[in-house]
Protein backbone atom coordinates (compact mmCIF):
# COMPACT_ATOMS: atom_id res chain seq x y z
CA MET A 1 -17.15 63.24 8.27
CA ASN A 2 -14.35 64.85 6.29
CA TRP A 3 -13.28 62.27 3.72
CA GLU A 4 -10.30 64.37 2.66
CA ALA A 5 -8.89 64.28 6.20
CA VAL A 6 -9.43 60.53 6.41
CA SER A 7 -7.71 60.09 3.06
CA ALA A 8 -4.75 62.25 4.14
CA ILE A 9 -4.38 60.30 7.40
CA SER A 10 -4.58 57.00 5.51
CA GLU A 11 -1.88 58.19 3.12
CA LEU A 12 0.33 59.24 6.02
CA VAL A 13 -0.15 55.90 7.78
CA GLY A 14 0.62 54.07 4.52
CA THR A 15 3.77 56.14 3.97
CA VAL A 16 4.97 55.48 7.52
CA ALA A 17 4.28 51.75 7.06
CA VAL A 18 6.31 51.71 3.82
CA VAL A 19 9.23 53.53 5.48
CA VAL A 20 9.18 51.15 8.46
CA SER A 21 9.06 48.16 6.08
CA LEU A 22 12.02 49.51 4.09
CA LEU A 23 14.01 50.04 7.30
CA TYR A 24 13.21 46.50 8.37
CA VAL A 25 14.32 45.13 4.98
CA ALA A 26 17.54 47.17 5.19
CA VAL A 27 18.31 45.70 8.63
CA GLN A 28 17.60 42.19 7.33
CA ILE A 29 19.86 42.70 4.31
CA ARG A 30 22.67 43.94 6.55
CA GLN A 31 22.28 40.93 8.84
CA ASN A 32 22.20 38.54 5.88
CA THR A 33 25.32 40.16 4.40
CA ARG A 34 27.14 39.71 7.71
CA ALA A 35 26.00 36.09 7.87
CA ILE A 36 27.26 35.45 4.33
CA GLN A 37 30.58 37.14 5.13
CA GLY A 38 30.91 35.01 8.25
CA ALA A 39 30.10 31.83 6.34
CA THR A 40 32.60 32.77 3.62
CA THR A 41 35.33 33.43 6.19
CA HIS A 42 34.57 30.14 7.92
CA SER A 43 34.64 28.23 4.64
CA VAL A 44 37.94 29.81 3.59
CA THR A 45 39.47 28.98 6.97
CA GLU A 46 38.33 25.35 6.77
CA ILE A 47 39.74 24.93 3.27
CA GLN A 48 43.03 26.52 4.31
CA GLN A 49 43.25 24.03 7.18
CA THR A 50 42.74 21.19 4.69
CA GLU A 51 45.43 22.65 2.44
CA LEU A 52 47.82 22.87 5.39
CA HIS A 53 47.22 19.20 6.15
CA TRP A 54 47.83 18.27 2.53
CA SER A 55 50.92 20.46 2.38
CA SER A 56 52.37 18.54 5.32
CA GLU A 57 52.01 15.38 3.21
CA ILE A 58 54.10 16.93 0.43
CA ALA A 59 56.63 18.63 2.71
CA ALA A 60 59.55 16.46 1.56
CA ALA A 61 58.83 17.11 -2.11
CA PHE A 62 58.30 20.81 -1.45
CA THR A 63 61.60 21.04 0.41
CA LYS A 64 63.32 19.23 -2.44
CA ALA A 65 61.74 21.68 -4.92
CA ILE A 66 63.27 24.49 -2.88
CA GLU A 67 66.70 23.04 -2.20
CA THR A 68 67.43 20.69 -5.10
CA PRO A 69 64.68 20.99 -7.73
CA ASP A 70 66.68 18.93 -10.25
CA GLU A 71 66.30 15.92 -7.94
CA LEU A 72 62.47 15.96 -7.95
CA THR A 73 60.95 12.80 -9.31
CA SER A 74 58.13 13.06 -11.82
CA ALA A 75 55.70 11.84 -9.17
CA GLU A 76 56.87 14.49 -6.69
CA ALA A 77 56.65 17.25 -9.29
CA TRP A 78 53.15 16.07 -10.23
CA ARG A 79 52.04 15.99 -6.58
CA LEU A 80 53.38 19.50 -6.02
CA SER A 81 51.71 20.71 -9.20
CA GLU A 82 48.35 19.24 -8.15
CA TRP A 83 48.66 20.83 -4.71
CA LEU A 84 49.42 24.20 -6.31
CA ASN A 85 46.52 23.76 -8.76
CA ALA A 86 44.11 23.15 -5.89
CA ALA A 87 45.57 25.98 -3.82
CA LEU A 88 45.33 28.48 -6.69
CA VAL A 89 41.76 27.51 -7.53
CA MET A 90 40.90 28.20 -3.88
CA ARG A 91 42.77 31.52 -3.94
CA GLN A 92 40.82 32.37 -7.10
CA ASN A 93 37.59 31.73 -5.19
CA GLU A 94 38.86 34.02 -2.44
CA PHE A 95 39.79 36.61 -5.09
CA ARG A 96 36.20 36.58 -6.37
CA GLN A 97 34.70 36.62 -2.88
CA PHE A 98 36.92 39.58 -1.95
CA HIS A 99 35.83 41.53 -5.02
CA LEU A 100 32.18 40.80 -4.17
CA GLY A 101 32.77 42.22 -0.68
CA LEU A 102 32.22 38.88 1.03
CA LEU A 103 35.81 38.25 2.18
CA PRO A 104 37.49 40.76 4.49
CA ALA A 105 40.47 42.65 3.07
CA ASP A 106 42.83 41.35 5.76
CA MET A 107 42.05 37.73 4.85
CA TRP A 108 42.61 38.45 1.16
CA ALA A 109 45.91 40.18 2.03
CA GLN A 110 47.01 37.00 3.84
CA SER A 111 46.11 34.94 0.78
CA GLU A 112 48.15 37.28 -1.41
CA GLN A 113 51.12 36.76 0.91
CA VAL A 114 50.76 32.98 0.63
CA ILE A 115 50.53 33.18 -3.16
CA THR A 116 53.62 35.36 -3.27
CA MET A 117 55.56 33.13 -0.91
CA VAL A 118 54.71 29.86 -2.66
CA LEU A 119 55.42 31.21 -6.14
CA SER A 120 58.49 33.26 -5.24
CA PHE A 121 61.14 30.59 -5.39
CA GLU A 122 62.69 29.25 -8.58
CA TRP A 123 60.60 26.08 -8.94
CA GLY A 124 57.39 27.92 -7.98
CA ARG A 125 57.97 30.70 -10.53
CA ASN A 126 58.70 28.10 -13.19
CA TRP A 127 55.52 26.20 -12.27
CA TRP A 128 53.56 29.46 -12.55
CA ARG A 129 54.91 30.09 -16.07
CA VAL A 130 54.43 26.51 -17.30
CA VAL A 131 51.20 25.47 -15.55
CA GLY A 132 49.73 27.98 -13.13
CA ARG A 133 48.67 30.74 -15.52
CA GLN A 134 46.46 28.21 -17.30
CA VAL A 135 44.68 27.19 -14.09
CA VAL A 136 43.13 30.56 -13.22
CA ILE A 137 40.97 33.16 -14.93
CA PRO A 138 42.81 35.96 -16.78
CA GLU A 139 42.04 38.56 -14.08
CA MET A 140 43.57 36.34 -11.41
CA ALA A 141 46.60 35.58 -13.59
CA ALA A 142 47.18 39.31 -14.12
CA HIS A 143 46.84 39.92 -10.38
CA ILE A 144 49.36 37.20 -9.55
CA ASP A 145 51.74 38.50 -12.22
CA ALA A 146 51.54 41.92 -10.55
CA LEU A 147 52.20 40.41 -7.12
CA LEU A 148 55.19 38.46 -8.40
CA GLY A 149 56.47 41.52 -10.27
CA LYS A 150 56.79 43.31 -6.92
CA THR A 151 58.56 40.40 -5.22
CA GLU A 152 62.10 39.17 -5.52
CA THR A 153 62.77 35.47 -5.59
CA LEU A 154 62.66 34.25 -2.00
CA ASP A 155 65.52 32.35 -0.48
CA PHE A 156 63.53 29.48 1.00
CA SER A 157 66.69 27.61 1.94
CA ALA A 158 67.66 30.45 4.28
CA MET A 159 64.11 30.49 5.65
CA LEU A 160 64.21 26.72 6.27
CA ASP A 161 67.60 27.08 7.96
CA ALA A 162 66.20 29.80 10.21
CA LEU A 163 63.23 27.58 11.09
CA LYS A 164 65.54 24.69 11.95
CA ASN A 165 67.77 26.96 14.03
CA PRO A 166 65.56 29.76 15.42
CA CYS A 167 68.07 31.14 17.89
CA GLY A 168 70.90 31.39 15.38
CA LYS A 169 73.02 29.05 17.48
CA ARG A 170 75.64 27.01 15.78
CA HIS A 171 75.28 23.28 16.05
CA ALA A 172 77.96 21.46 18.05
CA ASP A 173 79.24 19.65 14.97
CA SER A 174 79.46 22.84 12.88
CA SER A 175 81.43 24.74 15.56
CA ALA A 176 84.31 22.29 15.19
CA GLU A 177 84.87 23.39 11.59
């Protein structure tokens, strides 16, 4: 029996087994990464749904902050501030998940749009300067500053008017003017 041939065959079989094992591990890692990305997306979506519910509870205060911010009560301002704190902490989590490759770019882009929209009216920008920058990590604060630097102050009153009157029709009482 040729022990050198047996040794060579054993080495070849061992090498093939290692390669197959590595391929299997690579497939498992890819599947696990997809599962983590799916779980992250699901979690973000659930939290956004909760935020939307909570935002409906503060709709009157938010509208007042847009239209007549000087008329906000301390309690309303506090409630809005707490909502924004919670929302920004969540966006910060999304920011980190995006940079780890666990949150899809399109979902992060949507979050950036929400951040920009919520902080792009006078009260929101003021809140960001007074409170918001202290709530998030410096990298997130710099990112939000850059987003806001590219965005003009939004006219939420015009947006609310358009939502109340989507067809641009004049109300019966305003046509008599």
